[in-house]
């Protein structure tokens, strides 16, 4: 190795030593900067996916922002839905194979979509949702759900009334992701059921006093 080559390798090693370490954790999907654990999310309406955003990038897409259209900010609203007349007959008419699902309005397709969790993640129901559309009119809060970015999560319970909450769409998919890792068998198993109970308990606490329509 000649002197020039040795100097070149030394310079390269020096550069590599000085490169800043990449911070662990999530990053903004728009600018690449690290984001805090509690950060904004947006829906890419073209790709139908949820994106992370740092505060400066999220501000661009606020309702007053200039850049809107493809990306839609996800609100942070949580509220209990108390007036949904969802009895056993109504749930059976929805033909969802398990007792947990979430519903949201897809603006591109102009229809309500129902998804339920399982070992493969979120499964979309391909059945007609006329029953859900009729039920939605029984509670004024459901009429305020924002298309694409908010959802109604419903759990049917044999031993009591159904639990219904309005949540940000990312929270609904977060529940699905959590259950995908814990799911065992057809109905989820004991671990999945325990996680569902903890999730709804936290949801009830977060939603307390927020049930009035905005």
N, C-alpha and C. Protein backbone atom coordinates (compact mmCIF):
# COMPACT_ATOMS: atom_id res chain seq x y z
N UNK A 1 0.86 -1.20 0.00
CA UNK A 1 0.00 0.00 0.00
C UNK A 1 0.88 1.23 0.00
N UNK A 2 0.65 2.16 -0.93
CA UNK A 2 1.48 3.36 -0.99
C UNK A 2 0.97 4.40 0.01
N UNK A 3 1.71 5.49 0.14
CA UNK A 3 1.35 6.52 1.10
C UNK A 3 0.04 7.17 0.81
N UNK A 4 -0.25 7.38 -0.50
CA UNK A 4 -1.52 8.02 -0.85
C UNK A 4 -2.71 7.17 -0.47
N UNK A 5 -2.58 5.82 -0.70
CA UNK A 5 -3.68 4.92 -0.33
C UNK A 5 -3.90 4.91 1.17
N UNK A 6 -2.76 4.89 1.92
CA UNK A 6 -2.88 4.89 3.37
C UNK A 6 -3.55 6.14 3.87
N UNK A 7 -3.22 7.28 3.27
CA UNK A 7 -3.83 8.54 3.67
C UNK A 7 -5.31 8.55 3.35
N UNK A 8 -5.66 7.93 2.18
CA UNK A 8 -7.07 7.88 1.79
C UNK A 8 -7.89 7.07 2.77
N UNK A 9 -7.38 5.88 3.16
CA UNK A 9 -8.10 5.05 4.11
C UNK A 9 -8.21 5.74 5.47
N UNK A 10 -7.18 6.44 5.87
CA UNK A 10 -7.21 7.16 7.14
C UNK A 10 -8.27 8.24 7.12
N UNK A 11 -8.36 8.95 5.98
CA UNK A 11 -9.36 10.00 5.86
C UNK A 11 -10.77 9.42 5.90
N UNK A 12 -10.96 8.27 5.21
CA UNK A 12 -12.27 7.63 5.21
C UNK A 12 -12.65 7.17 6.61
N UNK A 13 -11.70 6.58 7.33
CA UNK A 13 -11.97 6.13 8.69
C UNK A 13 -12.35 7.31 9.58
N UNK A 14 -11.69 8.44 9.36
CA UNK A 14 -11.99 9.64 10.16
C UNK A 14 -13.40 10.14 9.89
N UNK A 15 -13.82 10.10 8.61
CA UNK A 15 -15.18 10.53 8.26
C UNK A 15 -16.21 9.61 8.92
N UNK A 16 -15.95 8.29 8.83
CA UNK A 16 -16.89 7.33 9.40
C UNK A 16 -17.03 7.49 10.91
N UNK A 17 -15.90 7.80 11.57
CA UNK A 17 -15.95 7.99 13.02
C UNK A 17 -16.79 9.21 13.37
N UNK A 18 -16.79 10.23 12.49
CA UNK A 18 -17.49 11.47 12.79
C UNK A 18 -18.94 11.47 12.35
N UNK A 19 -19.40 10.41 11.66
CA UNK A 19 -20.80 10.38 11.21
C UNK A 19 -21.73 10.32 12.41
N UNK A 20 -22.76 11.15 12.45
CA UNK A 20 -23.68 11.12 13.59
C UNK A 20 -24.44 9.80 13.63
N UNK A 21 -24.64 9.32 14.83
CA UNK A 21 -25.40 8.08 15.01
C UNK A 21 -26.85 8.31 14.64
N UNK A 22 -27.46 7.32 14.03
CA UNK A 22 -28.88 7.41 13.69
C UNK A 22 -29.70 7.10 14.92
N UNK A 23 -30.54 8.03 15.30
CA UNK A 23 -31.35 7.85 16.51
C UNK A 23 -32.36 6.73 16.29
N UNK A 24 -32.54 5.86 17.30
CA UNK A 24 -33.54 4.80 17.16
C UNK A 24 -34.95 5.37 17.20
N UNK A 25 -35.90 4.57 16.77
CA UNK A 25 -37.30 4.99 16.83
C UNK A 25 -37.83 5.42 15.47
N UNK A 26 -39.08 5.89 15.51
CA UNK A 26 -39.75 6.26 14.27
C UNK A 26 -39.25 7.61 13.74
N UNK A 27 -39.46 7.80 12.43
CA UNK A 27 -39.05 9.04 11.78
C UNK A 27 -40.21 9.61 10.98
N UNK A 28 -40.15 10.90 10.75
CA UNK A 28 -41.16 11.57 9.93
C UNK A 28 -41.08 11.02 8.50
N UNK A 29 -42.21 10.63 7.95
CA UNK A 29 -42.24 10.10 6.59
C UNK A 29 -42.08 11.18 5.53
N UNK A 30 -42.07 12.44 5.94
CA UNK A 30 -41.96 13.53 4.98
C UNK A 30 -40.54 14.12 4.93
N UNK A 31 -39.93 14.34 6.11
CA UNK A 31 -38.61 14.96 6.13
C UNK A 31 -37.52 14.04 6.68
N UNK A 32 -37.89 12.92 7.27
CA UNK A 32 -36.91 11.98 7.78
C UNK A 32 -36.40 12.26 9.17
N UNK A 33 -36.86 13.33 9.81
CA UNK A 33 -36.41 13.66 11.16
C UNK A 33 -37.03 12.71 12.19
N UNK A 34 -36.30 12.40 13.29
CA UNK A 34 -36.88 11.56 14.34
C UNK A 34 -38.13 12.22 14.93
N UNK A 35 -39.08 11.42 15.36
CA UNK A 35 -40.29 11.94 15.97
C UNK A 35 -40.43 11.38 17.39
N UNK A 36 -41.12 12.11 18.23
CA UNK A 36 -41.37 11.67 19.58
C UNK A 36 -42.35 10.50 19.59
N UNK A 37 -42.38 9.71 20.68
CA UNK A 37 -43.36 8.60 20.74
C UNK A 37 -44.79 9.06 20.48
N UNK A 38 -45.15 10.23 21.01
CA UNK A 38 -46.46 10.82 20.73
C UNK A 38 -46.29 11.82 19.59
N UNK A 39 -46.68 11.45 18.39
CA UNK A 39 -46.51 12.33 17.24
C UNK A 39 -47.73 12.25 16.34
N UNK A 40 -47.79 13.17 15.40
CA UNK A 40 -48.95 13.25 14.51
C UNK A 40 -48.89 12.15 13.45
N UNK A 41 -50.08 11.79 12.96
CA UNK A 41 -50.19 10.86 11.84
C UNK A 41 -51.10 11.47 10.77
N UNK A 42 -50.84 11.09 9.54
CA UNK A 42 -51.68 11.51 8.41
C UNK A 42 -52.03 10.27 7.59
N UNK A 43 -53.15 10.35 6.89
CA UNK A 43 -53.53 9.29 5.96
C UNK A 43 -53.17 9.73 4.54
N UNK A 44 -52.43 8.88 3.86
CA UNK A 44 -52.18 9.07 2.43
C UNK A 44 -53.39 8.50 1.69
N UNK A 45 -54.24 9.37 1.17
CA UNK A 45 -55.50 8.93 0.57
C UNK A 45 -55.29 8.18 -0.73
N UNK A 46 -54.16 8.38 -1.40
CA UNK A 46 -53.89 7.67 -2.64
C UNK A 46 -53.43 6.24 -2.36
N UNK A 47 -52.48 6.10 -1.43
CA UNK A 47 -51.92 4.78 -1.11
C UNK A 47 -52.69 4.07 -0.01
N UNK A 48 -53.62 4.77 0.65
CA UNK A 48 -54.40 4.22 1.75
C UNK A 48 -53.47 3.68 2.85
N UNK A 49 -52.56 4.54 3.30
CA UNK A 49 -51.68 4.13 4.39
C UNK A 49 -51.50 5.28 5.36
N UNK A 50 -51.12 4.92 6.58
CA UNK A 50 -50.91 5.89 7.65
C UNK A 50 -49.44 6.28 7.69
N UNK A 51 -49.17 7.59 7.80
CA UNK A 51 -47.81 8.11 7.78
C UNK A 51 -47.52 8.89 9.05
N UNK A 52 -46.27 8.79 9.52
CA UNK A 52 -45.82 9.56 10.68
C UNK A 52 -45.40 10.96 10.22
N UNK A 53 -45.61 11.94 11.10
CA UNK A 53 -45.22 13.32 10.77
C UNK A 53 -44.69 14.03 12.01
N UNK A 54 -43.57 14.74 11.83
CA UNK A 54 -43.09 15.61 12.89
C UNK A 54 -44.01 16.82 12.98
N UNK A 55 -43.86 17.62 14.03
CA UNK A 55 -44.76 18.74 14.23
C UNK A 55 -44.72 19.75 13.09
N UNK A 56 -43.53 20.18 12.61
CA UNK A 56 -43.51 21.15 11.50
C UNK A 56 -44.20 20.62 10.24
N UNK A 57 -43.96 19.35 9.90
CA UNK A 57 -44.59 18.81 8.71
C UNK A 57 -46.09 18.64 8.91
N UNK A 58 -46.49 18.25 10.11
CA UNK A 58 -47.92 18.08 10.38
C UNK A 58 -48.67 19.39 10.25
N UNK A 59 -48.03 20.50 10.65
CA UNK A 59 -48.68 21.80 10.57
C UNK A 59 -49.03 22.19 9.14
N UNK A 60 -48.25 21.70 8.19
CA UNK A 60 -48.52 22.02 6.79
C UNK A 60 -49.88 21.48 6.36
N UNK A 61 -50.30 20.38 7.01
CA UNK A 61 -51.53 19.71 6.59
C UNK A 61 -52.70 19.97 7.54
N UNK A 62 -52.51 20.89 8.48
CA UNK A 62 -53.63 21.27 9.33
C UNK A 62 -54.74 21.87 8.46
N UNK A 63 -55.99 21.92 8.98
CA UNK A 63 -57.09 22.47 8.16
C UNK A 63 -56.80 23.84 7.57
N UNK A 64 -55.98 24.65 8.27
CA UNK A 64 -55.66 25.98 7.74
C UNK A 64 -54.44 25.96 6.83
N UNK A 65 -53.79 24.79 6.71
CA UNK A 65 -52.55 24.72 5.94
C UNK A 65 -52.79 24.82 4.44
N UNK A 66 -51.70 25.07 3.71
CA UNK A 66 -51.81 25.28 2.27
C UNK A 66 -51.81 23.97 1.49
N UNK A 67 -51.11 22.95 2.00
CA UNK A 67 -50.95 21.70 1.24
C UNK A 67 -51.92 20.65 1.75
N UNK A 68 -53.01 20.46 1.03
CA UNK A 68 -53.98 19.42 1.37
C UNK A 68 -54.39 18.70 0.10
N UNK A 69 -55.13 17.67 0.23
CA UNK A 69 -55.59 16.93 -0.92
C UNK A 69 -55.23 15.47 -0.79
N UNK A 70 -53.97 15.12 -1.01
CA UNK A 70 -53.55 13.73 -0.92
C UNK A 70 -53.43 13.28 0.53
N UNK A 71 -52.95 14.16 1.41
CA UNK A 71 -52.69 13.80 2.80
C UNK A 71 -53.71 14.46 3.71
N UNK A 72 -54.23 13.67 4.64
CA UNK A 72 -55.27 14.18 5.54
C UNK A 72 -54.84 13.91 6.97
N UNK A 73 -54.76 14.96 7.81
CA UNK A 73 -54.33 14.76 9.20
C UNK A 73 -55.34 13.97 10.00
N UNK A 74 -54.84 13.11 10.86
CA UNK A 74 -55.71 12.29 11.72
C UNK A 74 -55.99 13.06 13.00
N UNK A 75 -57.26 13.28 13.35
CA UNK A 75 -57.59 13.99 14.59
C UNK A 75 -57.19 13.17 15.81
N UNK A 76 -57.33 13.77 16.97
CA UNK A 76 -56.99 13.09 18.23
C UNK A 76 -58.23 12.94 19.11
N UNK A 77 -59.40 12.90 18.50
CA UNK A 77 -60.66 12.84 19.25
C UNK A 77 -60.97 11.41 19.68
N UNK A 78 -61.35 11.25 20.96
CA UNK A 78 -61.84 9.98 21.50
C UNK A 78 -63.17 10.27 22.19
N UNK A 79 -64.16 9.41 21.98
CA UNK A 79 -65.46 9.62 22.63
C UNK A 79 -66.24 8.32 22.68
N UNK A 80 -66.95 8.12 23.77
CA UNK A 80 -67.82 6.95 23.88
C UNK A 80 -69.09 7.19 23.08
N UNK A 81 -69.52 6.19 22.34
CA UNK A 81 -70.77 6.24 21.58
C UNK A 81 -71.81 5.48 22.39
N UNK A 82 -72.78 6.20 22.92
CA UNK A 82 -73.72 5.58 23.86
C UNK A 82 -75.09 5.30 23.26
N UNK A 83 -75.40 5.84 22.09
CA UNK A 83 -76.75 5.72 21.57
C UNK A 83 -76.93 4.74 20.43
N UNK A 84 -75.88 3.95 20.12
CA UNK A 84 -75.97 3.01 19.02
C UNK A 84 -76.82 1.81 19.43
N UNK A 85 -77.91 1.60 18.70
CA UNK A 85 -78.85 0.52 19.05
C UNK A 85 -78.36 -0.80 18.47
N UNK A 86 -77.28 -1.31 19.03
CA UNK A 86 -76.63 -2.50 18.49
C UNK A 86 -76.94 -3.70 19.39
N UNK A 87 -78.04 -4.40 19.10
CA UNK A 87 -78.37 -5.60 19.84
C UNK A 87 -77.83 -6.83 19.11
N UNK A 88 -78.11 -8.03 19.65
CA UNK A 88 -77.59 -9.25 19.05
C UNK A 88 -78.07 -9.43 17.62
N UNK A 89 -79.33 -9.11 17.36
CA UNK A 89 -79.88 -9.29 16.02
C UNK A 89 -79.18 -8.38 15.01
N UNK A 90 -78.90 -7.15 15.43
CA UNK A 90 -78.23 -6.21 14.53
C UNK A 90 -76.80 -6.66 14.25
N UNK A 91 -76.12 -7.13 15.29
CA UNK A 91 -74.75 -7.61 15.08
C UNK A 91 -74.72 -8.82 14.16
N UNK A 92 -75.65 -9.75 14.38
CA UNK A 92 -75.71 -10.93 13.51
C UNK A 92 -75.96 -10.53 12.06
N UNK A 93 -76.74 -9.48 11.86
CA UNK A 93 -77.04 -9.03 10.49
C UNK A 93 -75.80 -8.47 9.80
N UNK A 94 -74.83 -7.97 10.58
CA UNK A 94 -73.59 -7.47 10.00
C UNK A 94 -72.71 -8.60 9.48
N UNK A 95 -72.91 -9.82 9.98
CA UNK A 95 -72.20 -11.02 9.53
C UNK A 95 -70.68 -10.88 9.67
N UNK A 96 -70.24 -10.28 10.76
CA UNK A 96 -68.82 -10.21 11.07
C UNK A 96 -68.48 -11.42 11.93
N UNK A 97 -67.48 -12.22 11.57
CA UNK A 97 -67.28 -13.52 12.20
C UNK A 97 -66.78 -13.50 13.63
N UNK A 98 -66.21 -12.39 14.10
CA UNK A 98 -65.80 -12.29 15.49
C UNK A 98 -66.58 -11.15 16.14
N UNK A 99 -66.32 -10.90 17.42
CA UNK A 99 -67.14 -9.93 18.16
C UNK A 99 -66.44 -8.59 18.35
N UNK A 100 -65.55 -8.25 17.44
CA UNK A 100 -64.83 -6.98 17.51
C UNK A 100 -64.58 -6.49 16.09
N UNK A 101 -64.88 -5.22 15.83
CA UNK A 101 -64.67 -4.66 14.49
C UNK A 101 -64.61 -3.14 14.59
N UNK A 102 -64.09 -2.52 13.53
CA UNK A 102 -64.20 -1.06 13.46
C UNK A 102 -64.71 -0.67 12.09
N UNK A 103 -65.38 0.47 12.06
CA UNK A 103 -66.07 0.95 10.86
C UNK A 103 -65.59 2.36 10.55
N UNK A 104 -65.32 2.64 9.26
CA UNK A 104 -64.96 3.99 8.87
C UNK A 104 -65.47 4.23 7.45
N UNK A 105 -65.54 5.51 7.09
CA UNK A 105 -66.02 5.90 5.77
C UNK A 105 -64.84 6.10 4.84
N UNK A 106 -64.81 5.37 3.74
CA UNK A 106 -63.79 5.52 2.71
C UNK A 106 -64.31 6.53 1.69
N UNK A 107 -63.70 7.72 1.66
CA UNK A 107 -64.22 8.79 0.80
C UNK A 107 -63.99 8.49 -0.68
N UNK A 108 -62.89 7.79 -1.01
CA UNK A 108 -62.59 7.50 -2.41
C UNK A 108 -63.63 6.55 -3.01
N UNK A 109 -64.10 5.59 -2.19
CA UNK A 109 -65.09 4.63 -2.66
C UNK A 109 -66.50 5.00 -2.25
N UNK A 110 -66.63 6.06 -1.45
CA UNK A 110 -67.92 6.55 -0.98
C UNK A 110 -68.74 5.42 -0.35
N UNK A 111 -68.11 4.74 0.61
CA UNK A 111 -68.82 3.66 1.30
C UNK A 111 -68.22 3.44 2.68
N UNK A 112 -68.98 2.78 3.53
CA UNK A 112 -68.50 2.39 4.85
C UNK A 112 -67.74 1.09 4.73
N UNK A 113 -66.60 1.03 5.41
CA UNK A 113 -65.76 -0.16 5.41
C UNK A 113 -65.75 -0.74 6.82
N UNK A 114 -65.88 -2.05 6.93
CA UNK A 114 -65.77 -2.74 8.21
C UNK A 114 -64.53 -3.60 8.20
N UNK A 115 -63.72 -3.51 9.26
CA UNK A 115 -62.52 -4.33 9.40
C UNK A 115 -62.54 -5.02 10.76
N UNK A 116 -62.03 -6.23 10.80
CA UNK A 116 -61.94 -6.94 12.08
C UNK A 116 -60.55 -7.55 12.21
N UNK A 117 -60.04 -7.67 13.45
CA UNK A 117 -58.67 -8.16 13.67
C UNK A 117 -58.58 -9.67 13.58
N UNK A 118 -57.36 -10.14 13.39
CA UNK A 118 -57.09 -11.57 13.34
C UNK A 118 -55.60 -11.80 13.23
N UNK A 119 -55.19 -13.05 13.06
CA UNK A 119 -53.75 -13.36 13.01
C UNK A 119 -53.04 -12.76 11.81
N UNK A 120 -53.77 -12.38 10.76
CA UNK A 120 -53.16 -11.78 9.57
C UNK A 120 -53.25 -10.26 9.58
N UNK A 121 -53.76 -9.67 10.66
CA UNK A 121 -53.94 -8.23 10.71
C UNK A 121 -55.39 -7.86 10.51
N UNK A 122 -55.64 -6.74 9.84
CA UNK A 122 -57.01 -6.28 9.62
C UNK A 122 -57.60 -6.97 8.38
N UNK A 123 -58.76 -7.60 8.56
CA UNK A 123 -59.48 -8.22 7.45
C UNK A 123 -60.70 -7.38 7.15
N UNK A 124 -60.86 -7.00 5.89
CA UNK A 124 -61.99 -6.17 5.49
C UNK A 124 -63.19 -7.04 5.16
N UNK A 125 -64.33 -6.71 5.74
CA UNK A 125 -65.56 -7.42 5.44
C UNK A 125 -66.02 -7.05 4.04
N UNK A 126 -66.36 -8.06 3.27
CA UNK A 126 -66.83 -7.83 1.90
C UNK A 126 -68.35 -7.86 1.81
N UNK A 127 -69.02 -7.88 2.95
CA UNK A 127 -70.47 -8.00 2.97
C UNK A 127 -71.14 -6.64 2.90
N UNK A 128 -72.38 -6.58 2.42
CA UNK A 128 -73.10 -5.31 2.41
C UNK A 128 -73.26 -4.75 3.82
N UNK A 129 -73.18 -3.44 3.96
CA UNK A 129 -73.23 -2.82 5.27
C UNK A 129 -74.47 -1.93 5.43
N UNK A 130 -75.57 -2.32 4.79
CA UNK A 130 -76.80 -1.54 4.92
C UNK A 130 -77.27 -1.51 6.37
N UNK A 131 -77.06 -2.61 7.09
CA UNK A 131 -77.45 -2.66 8.51
C UNK A 131 -76.67 -1.62 9.31
N UNK A 132 -75.36 -1.51 9.07
CA UNK A 132 -74.56 -0.52 9.78
C UNK A 132 -75.01 0.90 9.44
N UNK A 133 -75.26 1.16 8.18
CA UNK A 133 -75.68 2.49 7.77
C UNK A 133 -76.99 2.88 8.46
N UNK A 134 -77.88 1.91 8.64
CA UNK A 134 -79.14 2.18 9.36
C UNK A 134 -78.88 2.43 10.83
N UNK A 135 -77.96 1.64 11.44
CA UNK A 135 -77.63 1.82 12.85
C UNK A 135 -76.98 3.16 13.12
N UNK A 136 -76.15 3.61 12.18
CA UNK A 136 -75.40 4.85 12.39
C UNK A 136 -76.30 6.04 12.63
N UNK A 137 -77.51 5.99 12.10
CA UNK A 137 -78.44 7.09 12.31
C UNK A 137 -79.04 7.14 13.69
N UNK A 138 -78.78 6.12 14.52
CA UNK A 138 -79.37 6.09 15.86
C UNK A 138 -78.56 6.87 16.88
N UNK A 139 -77.36 7.33 16.53
CA UNK A 139 -76.53 8.09 17.46
C UNK A 139 -75.97 9.32 16.75
N UNK A 140 -76.21 10.52 17.26
CA UNK A 140 -75.75 11.74 16.57
C UNK A 140 -74.24 11.84 16.48
N UNK A 141 -73.52 11.21 17.39
CA UNK A 141 -72.06 11.29 17.36
C UNK A 141 -71.50 10.58 16.13
N UNK A 142 -72.13 9.48 15.73
CA UNK A 142 -71.64 8.72 14.59
C UNK A 142 -71.69 9.56 13.31
N UNK A 143 -72.67 10.44 13.22
CA UNK A 143 -72.80 11.30 12.04
C UNK A 143 -71.66 12.30 11.92
N UNK A 144 -70.91 12.54 13.00
CA UNK A 144 -69.81 13.50 12.97
C UNK A 144 -68.47 12.86 12.64
N UNK A 145 -68.43 11.54 12.49
CA UNK A 145 -67.17 10.85 12.19
C UNK A 145 -66.60 11.35 10.87
N UNK A 146 -65.33 11.74 10.88
CA UNK A 146 -64.69 12.28 9.68
C UNK A 146 -64.20 11.15 8.79
N UNK A 147 -64.56 11.20 7.52
CA UNK A 147 -64.17 10.16 6.57
C UNK A 147 -62.67 9.96 6.56
N UNK A 148 -62.25 8.71 6.44
CA UNK A 148 -60.86 8.30 6.24
C UNK A 148 -60.00 8.36 7.50
N UNK A 149 -60.30 9.22 8.45
CA UNK A 149 -59.37 9.46 9.56
C UNK A 149 -59.95 9.16 10.94
N UNK A 150 -61.23 8.84 11.03
CA UNK A 150 -61.84 8.46 12.30
C UNK A 150 -62.63 7.17 12.08
N UNK A 151 -62.80 6.41 13.17
CA UNK A 151 -63.50 5.13 13.08
C UNK A 151 -64.36 4.92 14.32
N UNK A 152 -65.33 4.03 14.19
CA UNK A 152 -66.12 3.56 15.32
C UNK A 152 -65.69 2.13 15.62
N UNK A 153 -65.14 1.91 16.81
CA UNK A 153 -64.74 0.58 17.25
C UNK A 153 -65.87 -0.01 18.08
N UNK A 154 -66.27 -1.23 17.75
CA UNK A 154 -67.40 -1.88 18.42
C UNK A 154 -66.98 -3.26 18.90
N UNK A 155 -67.29 -3.56 20.16
CA UNK A 155 -67.12 -4.91 20.68
C UNK A 155 -68.45 -5.44 21.17
N UNK A 156 -68.90 -6.51 20.57
CA UNK A 156 -70.12 -7.18 21.03
C UNK A 156 -69.79 -8.01 22.26
N UNK A 157 -70.64 -7.92 23.29
CA UNK A 157 -70.41 -8.68 24.52
C UNK A 157 -71.66 -9.49 24.86
N UNK A 158 -71.47 -10.76 25.13
CA UNK A 158 -72.59 -11.63 25.46
C UNK A 158 -73.15 -11.30 26.83
N UNK A 159 -72.28 -10.84 27.74
CA UNK A 159 -72.71 -10.60 29.12
C UNK A 159 -73.09 -9.16 29.40
N UNK A 160 -73.21 -8.33 28.39
CA UNK A 160 -73.56 -6.94 28.61
C UNK A 160 -73.73 -6.21 27.29
N UNK A 161 -74.01 -4.92 27.36
CA UNK A 161 -74.19 -4.15 26.12
C UNK A 161 -72.88 -4.03 25.35
N UNK A 162 -73.00 -3.81 24.06
CA UNK A 162 -71.82 -3.62 23.22
C UNK A 162 -71.06 -2.38 23.67
N UNK A 163 -69.75 -2.42 23.50
CA UNK A 163 -68.91 -1.25 23.77
C UNK A 163 -68.60 -0.57 22.44
N UNK A 164 -68.85 0.74 22.38
CA UNK A 164 -68.68 1.49 21.13
C UNK A 164 -67.93 2.79 21.42
N UNK A 165 -66.91 3.06 20.64
CA UNK A 165 -66.12 4.27 20.82
C UNK A 165 -65.74 4.87 19.46
N UNK A 166 -65.73 6.17 19.42
CA UNK A 166 -65.16 6.90 18.29
C UNK A 166 -63.68 7.11 18.58
N UNK A 167 -62.82 6.74 17.64
CA UNK A 167 -61.37 6.84 17.85
C UNK A 167 -60.70 7.32 16.57
N UNK A 168 -59.47 7.86 16.67
CA UNK A 168 -58.69 8.13 15.46
C UNK A 168 -58.41 6.82 14.73
N UNK A 169 -58.34 6.86 13.41
CA UNK A 169 -58.17 5.64 12.64
C UNK A 169 -56.86 4.94 12.98
N UNK A 170 -55.81 5.70 13.35
CA UNK A 170 -54.54 5.04 13.70
C UNK A 170 -54.67 4.23 14.98
N UNK A 171 -55.54 4.66 15.90
CA UNK A 171 -55.76 3.90 17.13
C UNK A 171 -56.44 2.57 16.82
N UNK A 172 -57.36 2.57 15.87
CA UNK A 172 -58.03 1.33 15.48
C UNK A 172 -57.03 0.35 14.89
N UNK A 173 -56.15 0.84 14.02
CA UNK A 173 -55.15 -0.06 13.43
C UNK A 173 -54.09 -0.47 14.44
N UNK A 174 -53.83 0.39 15.42
CA UNK A 174 -52.90 0.03 16.49
C UNK A 174 -53.44 -1.17 17.28
N UNK A 175 -54.74 -1.17 17.55
CA UNK A 175 -55.36 -2.31 18.23
C UNK A 175 -55.21 -3.58 17.39
N UNK A 176 -55.44 -3.47 16.09
CA UNK A 176 -55.31 -4.62 15.20
C UNK A 176 -53.88 -5.17 15.22
N UNK A 177 -52.90 -4.28 15.17
CA UNK A 177 -51.50 -4.71 15.18
C UNK A 177 -51.13 -5.38 16.48
N UNK A 178 -51.62 -4.86 17.58
CA UNK A 178 -51.36 -5.44 18.89
C UNK A 178 -51.94 -6.85 18.98
N UNK A 179 -53.17 -7.02 18.48
CA UNK A 179 -53.83 -8.32 18.55
C UNK A 179 -53.21 -9.33 17.58
N UNK A 180 -52.69 -8.86 16.47
CA UNK A 180 -52.08 -9.78 15.50
C UNK A 180 -50.94 -10.57 16.14
N UNK A 181 -50.19 -9.91 17.02
CA UNK A 181 -49.06 -10.58 17.68
C UNK A 181 -49.52 -11.54 18.77
N UNK A 182 -50.67 -11.26 19.37
CA UNK A 182 -51.14 -12.07 20.49
C UNK A 182 -52.15 -13.14 20.08
N UNK A 183 -52.64 -13.07 18.85
CA UNK A 183 -53.78 -13.90 18.44
C UNK A 183 -53.44 -15.38 18.43
N UNK A 184 -54.34 -16.20 19.03
CA UNK A 184 -54.21 -17.65 19.02
C UNK A 184 -55.58 -18.25 18.72
N UNK A 185 -55.61 -19.20 17.79
CA UNK A 185 -56.86 -19.88 17.47
C UNK A 185 -57.83 -18.98 16.72
N UNK A 186 -59.11 -19.40 16.71
CA UNK A 186 -60.11 -18.65 15.96
C UNK A 186 -60.54 -17.37 16.67
N UNK A 187 -60.70 -17.45 18.00
CA UNK A 187 -61.24 -16.30 18.73
C UNK A 187 -60.19 -15.44 19.39
N UNK A 188 -58.92 -15.73 19.18
CA UNK A 188 -57.86 -14.89 19.73
C UNK A 188 -57.15 -15.46 20.93
N UNK A 189 -57.88 -16.20 21.78
CA UNK A 189 -57.26 -16.78 22.96
C UNK A 189 -57.25 -15.84 24.15
N UNK A 190 -56.75 -16.34 25.26
CA UNK A 190 -56.79 -15.60 26.53
C UNK A 190 -55.95 -14.33 26.49
N UNK A 191 -54.76 -14.41 25.89
CA UNK A 191 -53.89 -13.23 25.86
C UNK A 191 -54.51 -12.10 25.06
N UNK A 192 -55.08 -12.43 23.91
CA UNK A 192 -55.72 -11.40 23.08
C UNK A 192 -56.91 -10.79 23.81
N UNK A 193 -57.70 -11.63 24.47
CA UNK A 193 -58.85 -11.10 25.21
C UNK A 193 -58.41 -10.18 26.34
N UNK A 194 -57.32 -10.53 27.03
CA UNK A 194 -56.81 -9.67 28.10
C UNK A 194 -56.34 -8.33 27.53
N UNK A 195 -55.70 -8.35 26.37
CA UNK A 195 -55.24 -7.10 25.76
C UNK A 195 -56.42 -6.25 25.33
N UNK A 196 -57.47 -6.88 24.83
CA UNK A 196 -58.67 -6.13 24.45
C UNK A 196 -59.28 -5.44 25.67
N UNK A 197 -59.34 -6.15 26.79
CA UNK A 197 -59.89 -5.56 28.01
C UNK A 197 -59.07 -4.37 28.46
N UNK A 198 -57.75 -4.50 28.44
CA UNK A 198 -56.90 -3.38 28.85
C UNK A 198 -57.05 -2.20 27.90
N UNK A 199 -57.17 -2.48 26.61
CA UNK A 199 -57.30 -1.41 25.61
C UNK A 199 -58.60 -0.65 25.82
N UNK A 200 -59.69 -1.35 26.05
CA UNK A 200 -60.96 -0.68 26.25
C UNK A 200 -61.00 0.06 27.59
N UNK A 201 -60.33 -0.46 28.60
CA UNK A 201 -60.26 0.26 29.88
C UNK A 201 -59.53 1.58 29.71
N UNK A 202 -58.41 1.57 28.97
CA UNK A 202 -57.68 2.81 28.71
C UNK A 202 -58.51 3.75 27.84
N UNK A 203 -59.25 3.18 26.91
CA UNK A 203 -60.09 3.98 26.03
C UNK A 203 -61.21 4.67 26.81
N UNK A 204 -61.81 3.94 27.75
CA UNK A 204 -62.87 4.52 28.57
C UNK A 204 -62.34 5.69 29.40
N UNK A 205 -61.13 5.54 29.93
CA UNK A 205 -60.53 6.61 30.72
C UNK A 205 -60.24 7.83 29.85
N UNK A 206 -59.73 7.59 28.67
CA UNK A 206 -59.38 8.70 27.79
C UNK A 206 -60.62 9.41 27.25
N UNK A 207 -61.71 8.68 27.10
CA UNK A 207 -62.92 9.23 26.50
C UNK A 207 -63.85 9.89 27.51
N UNK A 208 -63.56 9.75 28.79
CA UNK A 208 -64.47 10.23 29.84
C UNK A 208 -64.79 11.71 29.66
N UNK A 209 -66.08 12.01 29.61
CA UNK A 209 -66.53 13.38 29.50
C UNK A 209 -66.45 13.95 28.10
N UNK A 210 -66.17 13.10 27.08
CA UNK A 210 -66.01 13.60 25.72
C UNK A 210 -67.05 13.05 24.76
N UNK A 211 -68.20 12.64 25.29
CA UNK A 211 -69.17 11.97 24.43
C UNK A 211 -70.05 12.94 23.62
N UNK A 212 -70.00 14.23 23.92
CA UNK A 212 -70.87 15.16 23.19
C UNK A 212 -70.35 15.39 21.78
N UNK A 213 -71.23 15.47 20.78
CA UNK A 213 -70.78 15.75 19.41
C UNK A 213 -70.06 17.08 19.35
N UNK A 214 -69.06 17.17 18.45
CA UNK A 214 -68.33 18.43 18.33
C UNK A 214 -69.12 19.41 17.50
